[in-house]
Every structure is written in C-alpha cells, then in structure tokens.
Amino acid sequence: MLDFEEELKNFTPIPDSGEAARAIYDRDITDLVDILKEMIKEKA
C-alpha cells in the first residue's frame, strides 16, 4: 500500500512547469468568444 506522506516527502515539482504556464498564459490568443464579440460589433 502507498504511504502518501512518504511519497509527498519525495515529491519535487518539475522545474519547467512555471515557465510553461507563463508561456501559455502570456500569449494573446483569439478564442471563439473574441470572434463572436467581433461579429456582433460588425452587425451593430
């Protein structure tokens, strides 16, 4: 059986995960909501 407390002691986060998260969140990506907003503006 797993000893979760022991496993947590051995856990080390992936060093690049913070960099990957920043790269994902810092990108300006047009999504479906942005496209729909633009379409509504053009119709009005």
Protein backbone atom coordinates (compact mmCIF):
# COMPACT_ATOMS: atom_id res chain seq x y z
CA MET A 1 0.00 0.00 0.00
CA LEU A 2 1.20 3.53 -0.72
CA ASP A 3 2.34 5.77 2.10
CA PHE A 4 1.19 9.16 0.87
CA GLU A 5 3.13 11.09 3.50
CA GLU A 6 6.35 9.38 2.40
CA GLU A 7 5.56 9.99 -1.26
CA LEU A 8 4.95 13.69 -0.58
CA LYS A 9 8.35 13.98 1.07
CA ASN A 10 9.96 12.66 -2.11
CA PHE A 11 7.95 14.91 -4.44
CA THR A 12 9.77 17.60 -6.37
CA PRO A 13 7.91 19.76 -8.87
CA ILE A 14 9.01 19.90 -12.47
CA PRO A 15 11.27 22.97 -12.78
CA ASP A 16 9.96 23.95 -16.22
CA SER A 17 6.29 23.88 -15.28
CA GLY A 18 6.28 27.54 -14.18
CA GLU A 19 7.89 28.63 -17.43
CA ALA A 20 5.39 26.62 -19.45
CA ALA A 21 2.46 28.13 -17.56
CA ARG A 22 3.76 31.67 -18.15
CA ALA A 23 4.23 30.97 -21.85
CA ILE A 24 0.67 29.70 -22.14
CA TYR A 25 -1.00 32.49 -20.17
CA ASP A 26 1.05 35.32 -21.69
CA ARG A 27 0.01 34.52 -25.26
CA ASP A 28 -2.72 36.63 -26.78
CA ILE A 29 -4.84 34.01 -28.47
CA THR A 30 -8.12 34.82 -30.17
CA ASP A 31 -10.75 32.40 -28.98
CA LEU A 32 -14.33 31.78 -30.02
CA VAL A 33 -15.69 34.41 -27.61
CA ASP A 34 -13.44 37.08 -29.14
CA ILE A 35 -14.61 36.14 -32.63
CA LEU A 36 -18.28 36.26 -31.62
CA LYS A 37 -17.81 39.67 -29.97
CA GLU A 38 -16.22 40.99 -33.16
CA MET A 39 -19.08 39.63 -35.27
CA ILE A 40 -21.67 41.27 -33.02
CA LYS A 41 -19.82 44.61 -33.23
CA GLU A 42 -19.80 44.43 -37.02
CA LYS A 43 -23.56 43.76 -37.15
CA ALA A 44 -24.45 46.67 -34.87
